[in-house]
């Protein structure tokens, strides 16, 4: 089966479930891992992602504003939110862009703070 070839810091669309609703919404997320590194017993590669959300939402610690919206494939002011999750790569709907160097640096800095490295 052919999967999207994703690299760290790609921006993708994924179906986000909402526990209070009976449906999902297509939302952007940032790839934190190399999918090939996370293939488990079921044979389906996994990706580790973090959420991208509107800058209108209430802030969380370590939110990073996205400065390269066009490169990321986004049209409205957004934040990288360190709400981290793992997803089967087969559920990734599309690659829509990638982070700029400035946004990569901000994300790496916040990941370092989060994990104490």
PDB file of N, CA and C in Angstrom:
ATOM      1  N   UNK A   1       0.851  -1.188   0.000  1.00  0.00           N
ATOM      2  CA  UNK A   1       0.000   0.000   0.000  1.00  0.00           C
ATOM      3  C   UNK A   1       0.888   1.240   0.000  1.00  0.00           C
ATOM      4  N   UNK A   2       0.549   2.244  -0.804  1.00  0.00           N
ATOM      5  CA  UNK A   2       1.346   3.452  -0.875  1.00  0.00           C
ATOM      6  C   UNK A   2       0.885   4.488   0.149  1.00  0.00           C
ATOM      7  N   UNK A   3       1.846   4.975   0.915  1.00  0.00           N
ATOM      8  CA  UNK A   3       1.545   6.008   1.907  1.00  0.00           C
ATOM      9  C   UNK A   3       2.221   7.296   1.502  1.00  0.00           C
ATOM     10  N   UNK A   4       1.739   8.397   2.021  1.00  0.00           N
ATOM     11  CA  UNK A   4       2.400   9.674   1.794  1.00  0.00           C
ATOM     12  C   UNK A   4       3.811   9.611   2.354  1.00  0.00           C
ATOM     13  N   UNK A   5       4.746  10.198   1.651  1.00  0.00           N
ATOM     14  CA  UNK A   5       6.113  10.307   2.177  1.00  0.00           C
ATOM     15  C   UNK A   5       6.174  11.606   2.976  1.00  0.00           C
ATOM     16  N   UNK A   6       6.221  11.466   4.271  1.00  0.00           N
ATOM     17  CA  UNK A   6       6.205  12.640   5.141  1.00  0.00           C
ATOM     18  C   UNK A   6       7.550  12.809   5.813  1.00  0.00           C
ATOM     19  N   UNK A   7       7.928  14.074   5.978  1.00  0.00           N
ATOM     20  CA  UNK A   7       9.163  14.414   6.666  1.00  0.00           C
ATOM     21  C   UNK A   7       8.826  15.233   7.912  1.00  0.00           C
ATOM     22  N   UNK A   8       9.779  15.232   8.830  1.00  0.00           N
ATOM     23  CA  UNK A   8       9.622  16.060  10.019  1.00  0.00           C
ATOM     24  C   UNK A   8       9.392  17.510   9.585  1.00  0.00           C
ATOM     25  N   UNK A   9       8.446  18.154  10.230  1.00  0.00           N
ATOM     26  CA  UNK A   9       8.057  19.551  10.026  1.00  0.00           C
ATOM     27  C   UNK A   9       7.157  19.781   8.815  1.00  0.00           C
ATOM     28  N   UNK A  10       6.685  18.700   8.166  1.00  0.00           N
ATOM     29  CA  UNK A  10       5.633  18.862   7.166  1.00  0.00           C
ATOM     30  C   UNK A  10       4.348  19.234   7.902  1.00  0.00           C
ATOM     31  N   UNK A  11       3.478  19.959   7.212  1.00  0.00           N
ATOM     32  CA  UNK A  11       2.156  20.285   7.749  1.00  0.00           C
ATOM     33  C   UNK A  11       1.156  19.453   6.954  1.00  0.00           C
ATOM     34  N   UNK A  12       0.285  18.764   7.674  1.00  0.00           N
ATOM     35  CA  UNK A  12      -0.659  17.831   7.061  1.00  0.00           C
ATOM     36  C   UNK A  12      -2.081  18.115   7.539  1.00  0.00           C
ATOM     37  N   UNK A  13      -3.045  17.559   6.825  1.00  0.00           N
ATOM     38  CA  UNK A  13      -4.453  17.584   7.263  1.00  0.00           C
ATOM     39  C   UNK A  13      -4.789  16.205   7.788  1.00  0.00           C
ATOM     40  N   UNK A  14      -5.408  16.165   8.961  1.00  0.00           N
ATOM     41  CA  UNK A  14      -5.807  14.898   9.573  1.00  0.00           C
ATOM     42  C   UNK A  14      -7.217  15.035  10.146  1.00  0.00           C
ATOM     43  N   UNK A  15      -7.920  13.919  10.282  1.00  0.00           N
ATOM     44  CA  UNK A  15      -9.251  13.971  10.900  1.00  0.00           C
ATOM     45  C   UNK A  15      -9.113  13.993  12.416  1.00  0.00           C
ATOM     46  N   UNK A  16      -9.545  15.080  13.030  1.00  0.00           N
ATOM     47  CA  UNK A  16      -9.510  15.176  14.492  1.00  0.00           C
ATOM     48  C   UNK A  16     -10.858  14.773  15.057  1.00  0.00           C
ATOM     49  N   UNK A  17     -10.877  13.818  15.956  1.00  0.00           N
ATOM     50  CA  UNK A  17     -12.150  13.496  16.617  1.00  0.00           C
ATOM     51  C   UNK A  17     -12.422  14.494  17.735  1.00  0.00           C
ATOM     52  N   UNK A  18     -13.658  14.763  17.959  1.00  0.00           N
ATOM     53  CA  UNK A  18     -14.080  15.579  19.083  1.00  0.00           C
ATOM     54  C   UNK A  18     -14.995  14.713  19.938  1.00  0.00           C
ATOM     55  N   UNK A  19     -14.607  14.484  21.166  1.00  0.00           N
ATOM     56  CA  UNK A  19     -15.330  13.536  22.000  1.00  0.00           C
ATOM     57  C   UNK A  19     -16.779  13.931  22.241  1.00  0.00           C
ATOM     58  N   UNK A  20     -17.054  15.211  22.213  1.00  0.00           N
ATOM     59  CA  UNK A  20     -18.428  15.630  22.466  1.00  0.00           C
ATOM     60  C   UNK A  20     -19.280  15.633  21.195  1.00  0.00           C
ATOM     61  N   UNK A  21     -18.670  15.341  20.042  1.00  0.00           N
ATOM     62  CA  UNK A  21     -19.397  15.334  18.783  1.00  0.00           C
ATOM     63  C   UNK A  21     -19.270  13.974  18.095  1.00  0.00           C
ATOM     64  N   UNK A  22     -20.255  13.577  17.328  1.00  0.00           N
ATOM     65  CA  UNK A  22     -20.227  12.263  16.675  1.00  0.00           C
ATOM     66  C   UNK A  22     -19.504  12.271  15.321  1.00  0.00           C
ATOM     67  N   UNK A  23     -18.661  13.273  15.053  1.00  0.00           N
ATOM     68  CA  UNK A  23     -17.970  13.356  13.767  1.00  0.00           C
ATOM     69  C   UNK A  23     -16.569  13.909  13.965  1.00  0.00           C
ATOM     70  N   UNK A  24     -15.806  13.923  12.883  1.00  0.00           N
ATOM     71  CA  UNK A  24     -14.457  14.478  12.920  1.00  0.00           C
ATOM     72  C   UNK A  24     -14.394  15.722  12.042  1.00  0.00           C
ATOM     73  N   UNK A  25     -13.356  16.524  12.261  1.00  0.00           N
ATOM     74  CA  UNK A  25     -13.099  17.693  11.432  1.00  0.00           C
ATOM     75  C   UNK A  25     -11.690  17.564  10.874  1.00  0.00           C
ATOM     76  N   UNK A  26     -11.498  18.048   9.681  1.00  0.00           N
ATOM     77  CA  UNK A  26     -10.157  18.052   9.084  1.00  0.00           C
ATOM     78  C   UNK A  26      -9.383  19.226   9.652  1.00  0.00           C
ATOM     79  N   UNK A  27      -8.247  18.898  10.267  1.00  0.00           N
ATOM     80  CA  UNK A  27      -7.462  19.926  10.953  1.00  0.00           C
ATOM     81  C   UNK A  27      -5.998  19.800  10.563  1.00  0.00           C
ATOM     82  N   UNK A  28      -5.272  20.902  10.580  1.00  0.00           N
ATOM     83  CA  UNK A  28      -3.844  20.824  10.299  1.00  0.00           C
ATOM     84  C   UNK A  28      -3.067  20.318  11.517  1.00  0.00           C
ATOM     85  N   UNK A  29      -1.937  19.694  11.237  1.00  0.00           N
ATOM     86  CA  UNK A  29      -1.028  19.213  12.279  1.00  0.00           C
ATOM     87  C   UNK A  29       0.384  19.239  11.717  1.00  0.00           C
ATOM     88  N   UNK A  30       1.370  19.256  12.615  1.00  0.00           N
ATOM     89  CA  UNK A  30       2.779  19.263  12.217  1.00  0.00           C
ATOM     90  C   UNK A  30       3.374  17.895  12.506  1.00  0.00           C
ATOM     91  N   UNK A  31       4.097  17.348  11.536  1.00  0.00           N
ATOM     92  CA  UNK A  31       4.777  16.066  11.693  1.00  0.00           C
ATOM     93  C   UNK A  31       6.024  16.273  12.557  1.00  0.00           C
ATOM     94  N   UNK A  32       6.121  15.509  13.645  1.00  0.00           N
ATOM     95  CA  UNK A  32       7.276  15.572  14.536  1.00  0.00           C
ATOM     96  C   UNK A  32       8.249  14.421  14.320  1.00  0.00           C
ATOM     97  N   UNK A  33       7.810  13.379  13.617  1.00  0.00           N
ATOM     98  CA  UNK A  33       8.624  12.166  13.486  1.00  0.00           C
ATOM     99  C   UNK A  33       8.801  11.779  12.023  1.00  0.00           C
ATOM    100  N   UNK A  34       9.668  10.824  11.810  1.00  0.00           N
ATOM    101  CA  UNK A  34       9.834  10.185  10.512  1.00  0.00           C
ATOM    102  C   UNK A  34       8.936   8.954  10.518  1.00  0.00           C
ATOM    103  N   UNK A  35       7.960   8.892   9.622  1.00  0.00           N
ATOM    104  CA  UNK A  35       6.987   7.795   9.631  1.00  0.00           C
ATOM    105  C   UNK A  35       7.651   6.430   9.529  1.00  0.00           C
ATOM    106  N   UNK A  36       8.717   6.318   8.779  1.00  0.00           N
ATOM    107  CA  UNK A  36       9.376   5.014   8.597  1.00  0.00           C
ATOM    108  C   UNK A  36       9.929   4.474   9.912  1.00  0.00           C
ATOM    109  N   UNK A  37      10.174   5.330  10.867  1.00  0.00           N
ATOM    110  CA  UNK A  37      10.747   4.903  12.140  1.00  0.00           C
ATOM    111  C   UNK A  37       9.706   4.310  13.081  1.00  0.00           C
ATOM    112  N   UNK A  38       8.429   4.426  12.756  1.00  0.00           N
ATOM    113  CA  UNK A  38       7.369   3.995  13.661  1.00  0.00           C
ATOM    114  C   UNK A  38       6.412   3.008  13.008  1.00  0.00           C
ATOM    115  N   UNK A  39       6.933   1.896  12.526  1.00  0.00           N
ATOM    116  CA  UNK A  39       6.090   0.841  11.982  1.00  0.00           C
ATOM    117  C   UNK A  39       6.004  -0.264  13.015  1.00  0.00           C
ATOM    118  N   UNK A  40       4.810  -0.604  13.411  1.00  0.00           N
ATOM    119  CA  UNK A  40       4.606  -1.582  14.469  1.00  0.00           C
ATOM    120  C   UNK A  40       4.147  -2.912  13.893  1.00  0.00           C
ATOM    121  N   UNK A  41       3.709  -3.812  14.737  1.00  0.00           N
ATOM    122  CA  UNK A  41       3.339  -5.175  14.350  1.00  0.00           C
ATOM    123  C   UNK A  41       2.274  -5.212  13.256  1.00  0.00           C
ATOM    124  N   UNK A  42       1.390  -4.224  13.215  1.00  0.00           N
ATOM    125  CA  UNK A  42       0.336  -4.233  12.197  1.00  0.00           C
ATOM    126  C   UNK A  42       0.853  -3.849  10.812  1.00  0.00           C
ATOM    127  N   UNK A  43       2.128  -3.420  10.731  1.00  0.00           N
ATOM    128  CA  UNK A  43       2.742  -3.075   9.459  1.00  0.00           C
ATOM    129  C   UNK A  43       2.401  -1.701   8.928  1.00  0.00           C
ATOM    130  N   UNK A  44       1.571  -0.961   9.643  1.00  0.00           N
ATOM    131  CA  UNK A  44       1.178   0.378   9.195  1.00  0.00           C
ATOM    132  C   UNK A  44       2.085   1.407   9.867  1.00  0.00           C
ATOM    133  N   UNK A  45       2.807   2.196   9.088  1.00  0.00           N
ATOM    134  CA  UNK A  45       3.650   3.235   9.697  1.00  0.00           C
ATOM    135  C   UNK A  45       2.805   4.219  10.503  1.00  0.00           C
ATOM    136  N   UNK A  46       3.388   4.751  11.551  1.00  0.00           N
ATOM    137  CA  UNK A  46       2.746   5.758  12.397  1.00  0.00           C
ATOM    138  C   UNK A  46       3.535   7.063  12.288  1.00  0.00           C
ATOM    139  N   UNK A  47       2.859   8.159  12.563  1.00  0.00           N
ATOM    140  CA  UNK A  47       3.533   9.449  12.657  1.00  0.00           C
ATOM    141  C   UNK A  47       3.159  10.088  13.984  1.00  0.00           C
ATOM    142  N   UNK A  48       4.129  10.785  14.561  1.00  0.00           N
ATOM    143  CA  UNK A  48       3.887  11.578  15.759  1.00  0.00           C
ATOM    144  C   UNK A  48       3.662  13.001  15.279  1.00  0.00           C
ATOM    145  N   UNK A  49       2.565  13.580  15.737  1.00  0.00           N
ATOM    146  CA  UNK A  49       2.130  14.893  15.271  1.00  0.00           C
ATOM    147  C   UNK A  49       1.850  15.815  16.441  1.00  0.00           C
ATOM    148  N   UNK A  50       1.821  17.094  16.153  1.00  0.00           N
ATOM    149  CA  UNK A  50       1.293  18.045  17.135  1.00  0.00           C
ATOM    150  C   UNK A  50       0.282  18.930  16.429  1.00  0.00           C
ATOM    151  N   UNK A  51      -0.598  19.459  17.206  1.00  0.00           N
ATOM    152  CA  UNK A  51      -1.761  20.193  16.733  1.00  0.00           C
ATOM    153  C   UNK A  51      -1.392  21.582  16.206  1.00  0.00           C
ATOM    154  N   UNK A  52      -2.136  22.034  15.215  1.00  0.00           N
ATOM    155  CA  UNK A  52      -2.116  23.428  14.778  1.00  0.00           C
ATOM    156  C   UNK A  52      -3.524  23.947  15.023  1.00  0.00           C
ATOM    157  N   UNK A  53      -3.609  25.100  15.653  1.00  0.00           N
ATOM    158  CA  UNK A  53      -4.923  25.643  15.992  1.00  0.00           C
ATOM    159  C   UNK A  53      -4.980  27.131  15.686  1.00  0.00           C
ATOM    160  N   UNK A  54      -6.163  27.660  15.640  1.00  0.00           N
ATOM    161  CA  UNK A  54      -6.372  29.080  15.391  1.00  0.00           C
ATOM    162  C   UNK A  54      -5.765  29.901  16.526  1.00  0.00           C
ATOM    163  N   UNK A  55      -5.201  31.038  16.166  1.00  0.00           N
ATOM    164  CA  UNK A  55      -4.627  31.914  17.188  1.00  0.00           C
ATOM    165  C   UNK A  55      -5.713  32.577  18.031  1.00  0.00           C
ATOM    166  N   UNK A  56      -6.980  32.373  17.671  1.00  0.00           N
ATOM    167  CA  UNK A  56      -8.092  32.953  18.427  1.00  0.00           C
ATOM    168  C   UNK A  56      -8.405  32.169  19.703  1.00  0.00           C
ATOM    169  N   UNK A  57      -7.908  30.925  19.781  1.00  0.00           N
ATOM    170  CA  UNK A  57      -8.184  30.111  20.957  1.00  0.00           C
ATOM    171  C   UNK A  57      -7.394  30.575  22.167  1.00  0.00           C
ATOM    172  N   UNK A  58      -7.890  30.224  23.342  1.00  0.00           N
ATOM    173  CA  UNK A  58      -7.209  30.550  24.586  1.00  0.00           C
ATOM    174  C   UNK A  58      -5.801  29.953  24.563  1.00  0.00           C
ATOM    175  N   UNK A  59      -4.777  30.727  24.916  1.00  0.00           N
ATOM    176  CA  UNK A  59      -3.398  30.227  24.814  1.00  0.00           C
ATOM    177  C   UNK A  59      -3.075  29.106  25.803  1.00  0.00           C
ATOM    178  N   UNK A  60      -2.172  28.240  25.375  1.00  0.00           N
ATOM    179  CA  UNK A  60      -1.595  27.182  26.204  1.00  0.00           C
ATOM    180  C   UNK A  60      -0.123  27.499  26.406  1.00  0.00           C
ATOM    181  N   UNK A  61       0.478  26.938  27.464  1.00  0.00           N
ATOM    182  CA  UNK A  61       1.935  27.096  27.599  1.00  0.00           C
ATOM    183  C   UNK A  61       2.625  26.510  26.363  1.00  0.00           C
ATOM    184  N   UNK A  62       3.664  27.169  25.919  1.00  0.00           N
ATOM    185  CA  UNK A  62       4.509  26.736  24.803  1.00  0.00           C
ATOM    186  C   UNK A  62       3.827  26.807  23.433  1.00  0.00           C
ATOM    187  N   UNK A  63       2.723  27.524  23.310  1.00  0.00           N
ATOM    188  CA  UNK A  63       2.169  27.797  21.977  1.00  0.00           C
ATOM    189  C   UNK A  63       3.193  28.624  21.204  1.00  0.00           C
ATOM    190  N   UNK A  64       3.318  28.359  19.904  1.00  0.00           N
ATOM    191  CA  UNK A  64       4.216  29.131  19.050  1.00  0.00           C
ATOM    192  C   UNK A  64       3.430  29.641  17.851  1.00  0.00           C
ATOM    193  N   UNK A  65       3.382  30.961  17.671  1.00  0.00           N
ATOM    194  CA  UNK A  65       2.665  31.487  16.508  1.00  0.00           C
ATOM    195  C   UNK A  65       3.376  31.068  15.221  1.00  0.00           C
ATOM    196  N   UNK A  66       2.604  30.662  14.227  1.00  0.00           N
ATOM    197  CA  UNK A  66       3.166  30.340  12.915  1.00  0.00           C
ATOM    198  C   UNK A  66       3.379  31.642  12.154  1.00  0.00           C
ATOM    199  N   UNK A  67       4.608  31.867  11.713  1.00  0.00           N
ATOM    200  CA  UNK A  67       4.905  33.091  10.964  1.00  0.00           C
ATOM    201  C   UNK A  67       4.878  32.845   9.463  1.00  0.00           C
ATOM    202  N   UNK A  68       5.113  31.619   9.025  1.00  0.00           N
ATOM    203  CA  UNK A  68       5.128  31.286   7.607  1.00  0.00           C
ATOM    204  C   UNK A  68       3.847  30.580   7.194  1.00  0.00           C
ATOM    205  N   UNK A  69       2.740  31.297   7.249  1.00  0.00           N
ATOM    206  CA  UNK A  69       1.437  30.689   6.958  1.00  0.00           C
ATOM    207  C   UNK A  69       1.357  30.134   5.537  1.00  0.00           C
ATOM    208  N   UNK A  70       1.830  30.882   4.563  1.00  0.00           N
ATOM    209  CA  UNK A  70       1.746  30.439   3.167  1.00  0.00           C
ATOM    210  C   UNK A  70       2.553  29.152   2.967  1.00  0.00           C
ATOM    211  N   UNK A  71       3.767  29.102   3.490  1.00  0.00           N
ATOM    212  CA  UNK A  71       4.610  27.904   3.348  1.00  0.00           C
ATOM    213  C   UNK A  71       3.964  26.698   4.037  1.00  0.00           C
ATOM    214  N   UNK A  72       3.252  26.947   5.134  1.00  0.00           N
ATOM    215  CA  UNK A  72       2.590  25.871   5.887  1.00  0.00           C
ATOM    216  C   UNK A  72       1.273  25.443   5.240  1.00  0.00           C
ATOM    217  N   UNK A  73       0.816  26.180   4.234  1.00  0.00           N
ATOM    218  CA  UNK A  73      -0.436  25.839   3.566  1.00  0.00           C
ATOM    219  C   UNK A  73      -1.661  26.294   4.325  1.00  0.00           C
ATOM    220  N   UNK A  74      -1.488  27.323   5.145  1.00  0.00           N
ATOM    221  CA  UNK A  74      -2.582  27.820   5.985  1.00  0.00           C
ATOM    222  C   UNK A  74      -3.001  29.215   5.551  1.00  0.00           C
ATOM    223  N   UNK A  75      -4.248  29.557   5.807  1.00  0.00           N
ATOM    224  CA  UNK A  75      -4.764  30.852   5.368  1.00  0.00           C
ATOM    225  C   UNK A  75      -5.126  31.793   6.507  1.00  0.00           C
ATOM    226  N   UNK A  76      -5.145  31.297   7.741  1.00  0.00           N
ATOM    227  CA  UNK A  76      -5.485  32.173   8.862  1.00  0.00           C
ATOM    228  C   UNK A  76      -4.429  32.071   9.952  1.00  0.00           C
ATOM    229  N   UNK A  77      -4.344  33.103  10.782  1.00  0.00           N
ATOM    230  CA  UNK A  77      -3.372  33.124  11.865  1.00  0.00           C
ATOM    231  C   UNK A  77      -3.524  31.871  12.715  1.00  0.00           C
ATOM    232  N   UNK A  78      -2.408  31.194  12.939  1.00  0.00           N
ATOM    233  CA  UNK A  78      -2.434  29.898  13.621  1.00  0.00           C
ATOM    234  C   UNK A  78      -1.271  29.751  14.580  1.00  0.00           C
ATOM    235  N   UNK A  79      -1.425  28.786  15.487  1.00  0.00           N
ATOM    236  CA  UNK A  79      -0.404  28.462  16.480  1.00  0.00           C
ATOM    237  C   UNK A  79      -0.038  26.991  16.385  1.00  0.00           C
ATOM    238  N   UNK A  80       1.227  26.691  16.663  1.00  0.00           N
ATOM    239  CA  UNK A  80       1.633  25.305  16.865  1.00  0.00           C
ATOM    240  C   UNK A  80       1.395  25.031  18.343  1.00  0.00           C
ATOM    241  N   UNK A  81       0.560  24.057  18.623  1.00  0.00           N
ATOM    242  CA  UNK A  81       0.208  23.711  19.999  1.00  0.00           C
ATOM    243  C   UNK A  81       0.787  22.331  20.305  1.00  0.00           C
ATOM    244  N   UNK A  82       1.504  22.217  21.397  1.00  0.00           N
ATOM    245  CA  UNK A  82       2.150  20.951  21.746  1.00  0.00           C
ATOM    246  C   UNK A  82       1.173  19.969  22.376  1.00  0.00           C
ATOM    247  N   UNK A  83       0.100  19.749  21.682  1.00  0.00           N
ATOM    248  CA  UNK A  83      -0.848  18.677  21.967  1.00  0.00           C
ATOM    249  C   UNK A  83      -0.410  17.552  21.032  1.00  0.00           C
ATOM    250  N   UNK A  84       0.349  16.594  21.569  1.00  0.00           N
ATOM    251  CA  UNK A  84       1.064  15.601  20.780  1.00  0.00           C
ATOM    252  C   UNK A  84       0.293  14.288  20.741  1.00  0.00           C
ATOM    253  N   UNK A  85       0.279  13.668  19.553  1.00  0.00           N
ATOM    254  CA  UNK A  85      -0.444  12.408  19.388  1.00  0.00           C
ATOM    255  C   UNK A  85       0.215  11.578  18.287  1.00  0.00           C
ATOM    256  N   UNK A  86      -0.098  10.280  18.269  1.00  0.00           N
ATOM    257  CA  UNK A  86       0.402   9.360  17.259  1.00  0.00           C
ATOM    258  C   UNK A  86      -0.784   8.892  16.419  1.00  0.00           C
ATOM    259  N   UNK A  87      -0.568   8.793  15.104  1.00  0.00           N
ATOM    260  CA  UNK A  87      -1.643   8.452  14.187  1.00  0.00           C
ATOM    261  C   UNK A  87      -1.119   7.511  13.108  1.00  0.00           C
ATOM    262  N   UNK A  88      -1.929   6.534  12.705  1.00  0.00           N
ATOM    263  CA  UNK A  88      -1.575   5.716  11.540  1.00  0.00           C
ATOM    264  C   UNK A  88      -1.411   6.647  10.346  1.00  0.00           C
ATOM    265  N   UNK A  89      -0.351   6.438   9.586  1.00  0.00           N
ATOM    266  CA  UNK A  89      -0.109   7.305   8.425  1.00  0.00           C
ATOM    267  C   UNK A  89      -1.238   7.197   7.405  1.00  0.00           C
ATOM    268  N   UNK A  90      -1.923   6.066   7.403  1.00  0.00           N
ATOM    269  CA  UNK A  90      -3.036   5.882   6.462  1.00  0.00           C
ATOM    270  C   UNK A  90      -4.176   6.868   6.729  1.00  0.00           C
ATOM    271  N   UNK A  91      -4.227   7.453   7.918  1.00  0.00           N
ATOM    272  CA  UNK A  91      -5.274   8.410   8.254  1.00  0.00           C
ATOM    273  C   UNK A  91      -4.920   9.848   7.885  1.00  0.00           C
ATOM    274  N   UNK A  92      -3.659  10.083   7.484  1.00  0.00           N
ATOM    275  CA  UNK A  92      -3.269  11.423   7.053  1.00  0.00           C
ATOM    276  C   UNK A  92      -3.922  11.690   5.706  1.00  0.00           C
ATOM    277  N   UNK A  93      -4.669  12.765   5.625  1.00  0.00           N
ATOM    278  CA  UNK A  93      -5.451  13.061   4.429  1.00  0.00           C
ATOM    279  C   UNK A  93      -4.615  13.696   3.321  1.00  0.00           C
ATOM    280  N   UNK A  94      -3.681  14.579   3.679  1.00  0.00           N
ATOM    281  CA  UNK A  94      -2.877  15.269   2.670  1.00  0.00           C
ATOM    282  C   UNK A  94      -1.743  16.031   3.340  1.00  0.00           C
ATOM    283  N   UNK A  95      -0.676  16.215   2.604  1.00  0.00           N
ATOM    284  CA  UNK A  95       0.375  17.151   3.002  1.00  0.00           C
ATOM    285  C   UNK A  95      -0.027  18.493   2.407  1.00  0.00           C
ATOM    286  N   UNK A  96      -0.038  19.551   3.244  1.00  0.00           N
ATOM    287  CA  UNK A  96      -0.467  20.854   2.743  1.00  0.00           C
ATOM    288  C   UNK A  96       0.653  21.880   2.709  1.00  0.00           C
ATOM    289  N   UNK A  97       1.775  21.577   3.362  1.00  0.00           N
ATOM    290  CA  UNK A  97       2.877  22.523   3.389  1.00  0.00           C
ATOM    291  C   UNK A  97       3.973  22.043   4.305  1.00  0.00           C
ATOM    292  N   UNK A  98       4.832  22.980   4.704  1.00  0.00           N
ATOM    293  CA  UNK A  98       5.935  22.672   5.617  1.00  0.00           C
ATOM    294  C   UNK A  98       6.285  23.931   6.402  1.00  0.00           C
ATOM    295  N   UNK A  99       6.868  23.739   7.567  1.00  0.00           N
ATOM    296  CA  UNK A  99       7.267  24.880   8.382  1.00  0.00           C
ATOM    297  C   UNK A  99       8.470  25.592   7.776  1.00  0.00           C
ATOM    298  N   UNK A 100       8.522  26.894   7.958  1.00  0.00           N
ATOM    299  CA  UNK A 100       9.706  27.670   7.582  1.00  0.00           C
ATOM    300  C   UNK A 100      10.801  27.415   8.613  1.00  0.00           C
ATOM    301  N   UNK A 101      12.006  27.827   8.305  1.00  0.00           N
ATOM    302  CA  UNK A 101      13.120  27.664   9.255  1.00  0.00           C
ATOM    303  C   UNK A 101      12.826  28.371  10.574  1.00  0.00           C
ATOM    304  N   UNK A 102      12.238  29.554  10.493  1.00  0.00           N
ATOM    305  CA  UNK A 102      11.899  30.309  11.709  1.00  0.00           C
ATOM    306  C   UNK A 102      10.909  29.532  12.570  1.00  0.00           C
ATOM    307  N   UNK A 103       9.889  28.959  11.940  1.00  0.00           N
ATOM    308  CA  UNK A 103       8.886  28.195  12.687  1.00  0.00           C
ATOM    309  C   UNK A 103       9.460  26.883  13.215  1.00  0.00           C
ATOM    310  N   UNK A 104      10.355  26.246  12.453  1.00  0.00           N
ATOM    311  CA  UNK A 104      11.033  25.039  12.936  1.00  0.00           C
ATOM    312  C   UNK A 104      11.834  25.344  14.194  1.00  0.00           C
ATOM    313  N   UNK A 105      12.553  26.453  14.173  1.00  0.00           N
ATOM    314  CA  UNK A 105      13.380  26.844  15.315  1.00  0.00           C
ATOM    315  C   UNK A 105      12.519  27.072  16.555  1.00  0.00           C
ATOM    316  N   UNK A 106      11.388  27.759  16.387  1.00  0.00           N
ATOM    317  CA  UNK A 106      10.490  28.013  17.524  1.00  0.00           C
ATOM    318  C   UNK A 106       9.932  26.699  18.074  1.00  0.00           C
ATOM    319  N   UNK A 107       9.542  25.782  17.186  1.00  0.00           N
ATOM    320  CA  UNK A 107       9.003  24.493  17.626  1.00  0.00           C
ATOM    321  C   UNK A 107      10.071  23.685  18.345  1.00  0.00           C
ATOM    322  N   UNK A 108      11.280  23.624  17.793  1.00  0.00           N
ATOM    323  CA  UNK A 108      12.374  22.879  18.434  1.00  0.00           C
ATOM    324  C   UNK A 108      12.674  23.432  19.828  1.00  0.00           C
ATOM    325  N   UNK A 109      12.657  24.742  19.955  1.00  0.00           N
ATOM    326  CA  UNK A 109      12.903  25.388  21.247  1.00  0.00           C
ATOM    327  C   UNK A 109      11.834  24.970  22.258  1.00  0.00           C
ATOM    328  N   UNK A 110      10.579  24.976  21.840  1.00  0.00           N
ATOM    329  CA  UNK A 110       9.490  24.597  22.752  1.00  0.00           C
ATOM    330  C   UNK A 110       9.498  23.103  23.083  1.00  0.00           C
ATOM    331  N   UNK A 111       9.854  22.261  22.117  1.00  0.00           N
ATOM    332  CA  UNK A 111       9.982  20.835  22.403  1.00  0.00           C
ATOM    333  C   UNK A 111      11.104  20.582  23.420  1.00  0.00           C
ATOM    334  N   UNK A 112      12.171  21.323  23.290  1.00  0.00           N
ATOM    335  CA  UNK A 112      13.288  21.211  24.231  1.00  0.00           C
ATOM    336  C   UNK A 112      12.844  21.614  25.642  1.00  0.00           C
ATOM    337  N   UNK A 113      12.083  22.681  25.740  1.00  0.00           N
ATOM    338  CA  UNK A 113      11.535  23.091  27.054  1.00  0.00           C
ATOM    339  C   UNK A 113      10.604  22.039  27.612  1.00  0.00           C
ATOM    340  N   UNK A 114       9.743  21.498  26.753  1.00  0.00           N
ATOM    341  CA  UNK A 114       8.752  20.496  27.193  1.00  0.00           C
ATOM    342  C   UNK A 114       9.434  19.247  27.734  1.00  0.00           C
ATOM    343  N   UNK A 115      10.450  18.761  27.019  1.00  0.00           N
ATOM    344  CA  UNK A 115      11.095  17.520  27.406  1.00  0.00           C
ATOM    345  C   UNK A 115      12.358  17.703  28.226  1.00  0.00           C
ATOM    346  N   UNK A 116      12.703  18.948  28.542  1.00  0.00           N
ATOM    347  CA  UNK A 116      13.856  19.214  29.411  1.00  0.00           C
ATOM    348  C   UNK A 116      15.182  18.802  28.814  1.00  0.00           C
ATOM    349  N   UNK A 117      15.318  18.968  27.482  1.00  0.00           N
ATOM    350  CA  UNK A 117      16.584  18.595  26.832  1.00  0.00           C
ATOM    351  C   UNK A 117      17.385  19.806  26.436  1.00  0.00           C
TER     352      UNK A 117
END
